[in-house]
Amino acid sequence: MTAIPVYAIPDQDGIEQVMRVRITVNGPSVRIVGGDGMVLEVYNLTGAKVLSRQIDGQDKTLSLNLSKGCYLLKVGTVVRKISIQ
C-alpha cells in the first residue's frame, strides 16, 4: 500500500482572519482578541440575530445580557457556539 500525499491550498484571507480572531467565554462575558473594527453578532439557535456590537479594540471584553440558552457568536468568519446557564 502506498500513501499519496494530498495538499489543500487554503484561501489566504479566511486563514488570516481565523488565525487572528479568538473568542473566549467566561460566564456572561465574552473576550475577543484580534477583532478590532469587526462586528460581534449573536444568534439564537433558530437563526434570529439577538445582538450586534462593534468591536473597537484589539483585546475587547464584552458583557452580554442574554437569557439562558445556546447561542452562536460570529466575528468575521469565526463562529463559536456557547451556552448560557
Protein backbone atom coordinates (compact mmCIF):
# COMPACT_ATOMS: atom_id res chain seq x y z
CA MET A 1 0.00 0.00 0.00
CA THR A 2 1.36 3.40 -0.98
CA ALA A 3 0.34 6.64 0.70
CA ILE A 4 -0.38 9.53 -1.62
CA PRO A 5 0.01 13.00 -0.09
CA VAL A 6 -2.91 15.36 -0.52
CA TYR A 7 -2.39 19.10 -0.40
CA ALA A 8 -5.01 21.80 0.01
CA ILE A 9 -4.43 25.38 -0.97
CA PRO A 10 -6.34 27.46 1.60
CA ASP A 11 -7.99 30.80 1.00
CA GLN A 12 -5.44 33.20 2.47
CA ASP A 13 -7.97 35.81 3.56
CA GLY A 14 -10.03 33.29 5.52
CA ILE A 15 -6.97 31.67 7.09
CA GLU A 16 -5.54 35.00 8.25
CA GLN A 17 -8.85 36.03 9.77
CA VAL A 18 -9.37 32.71 11.55
CA MET A 19 -5.84 32.73 12.94
CA ARG A 20 -6.00 36.22 14.32
CA VAL A 21 -9.52 36.28 15.85
CA ARG A 22 -10.01 34.39 19.13
CA ILE A 23 -13.28 34.20 21.06
CA THR A 24 -13.35 33.03 24.68
CA VAL A 25 -16.35 32.95 27.01
CA ASN A 26 -16.40 33.18 30.80
CA GLY A 27 -19.97 33.24 32.13
CA PRO A 28 -21.79 36.26 30.66
CA SER A 29 -18.51 37.86 29.46
CA VAL A 30 -17.01 37.36 26.01
CA ARG A 31 -13.39 38.20 25.23
CA ILE A 32 -12.46 38.85 21.62
CA VAL A 33 -8.81 39.13 20.66
CA GLY A 34 -7.86 40.33 17.19
CA GLY A 35 -11.29 41.59 16.14
CA ASP A 36 -10.60 45.32 16.00
CA GLY A 37 -13.05 47.01 13.61
CA MET A 38 -15.19 43.89 13.19
CA VAL A 39 -18.72 43.22 14.41
CA LEU A 40 -19.78 40.64 17.01
CA GLU A 41 -23.07 39.07 16.00
CA VAL A 42 -25.04 36.82 18.38
CA TYR A 43 -27.69 34.44 17.04
CA ASN A 44 -30.08 32.13 18.87
CA LEU A 45 -30.41 28.55 17.63
CA THR A 46 -33.40 29.41 15.44
CA GLY A 47 -31.12 31.73 13.47
CA ALA A 48 -32.51 35.04 14.69
CA LYS A 49 -29.94 37.75 15.40
CA VAL A 50 -30.32 38.82 19.03
CA LEU A 51 -27.35 41.15 19.42
CA SER A 52 -24.82 43.04 17.31
CA ARG A 53 -21.89 45.06 18.68
CA GLN A 54 -18.97 46.84 17.06
CA ILE A 55 -15.57 45.71 18.38
CA ASP A 56 -13.43 48.78 18.98
CA GLY A 57 -10.20 47.29 20.26
CA GLN A 58 -7.65 44.56 19.65
CA ASP A 59 -8.46 42.89 23.01
CA LYS A 60 -12.07 43.56 23.98
CA THR A 61 -14.19 42.06 26.78
CA LEU A 62 -17.95 42.49 26.46
CA SER A 63 -20.65 41.63 28.95
CA LEU A 64 -23.59 40.00 27.20
CA ASN A 65 -27.02 40.33 28.75
CA LEU A 66 -28.50 37.09 27.38
CA SER A 67 -31.11 34.80 28.88
CA LYS A 68 -30.34 31.13 29.50
CA GLY A 69 -29.85 29.06 26.38
CA CYS A 70 -27.50 28.26 23.50
CA TYR A 71 -26.20 30.91 21.12
CA LEU A 72 -23.85 31.28 18.16
CA LEU A 73 -21.25 34.06 18.28
CA LYS A 74 -19.80 35.28 14.99
CA VAL A 75 -16.85 37.62 14.41
CA GLY A 76 -15.78 37.75 10.78
CA THR A 77 -15.64 34.12 9.68
CA VAL A 78 -15.09 32.76 13.20
CA VAL A 79 -18.17 31.17 14.76
CA ARG A 80 -18.41 29.83 18.32
CA LYS A 81 -21.31 28.02 20.00
CA ILE A 82 -21.90 28.98 23.64
CA SER A 83 -24.30 28.00 26.40
CA ILE A 84 -25.52 30.49 29.00
CA GLN A 85 -26.59 28.76 32.21
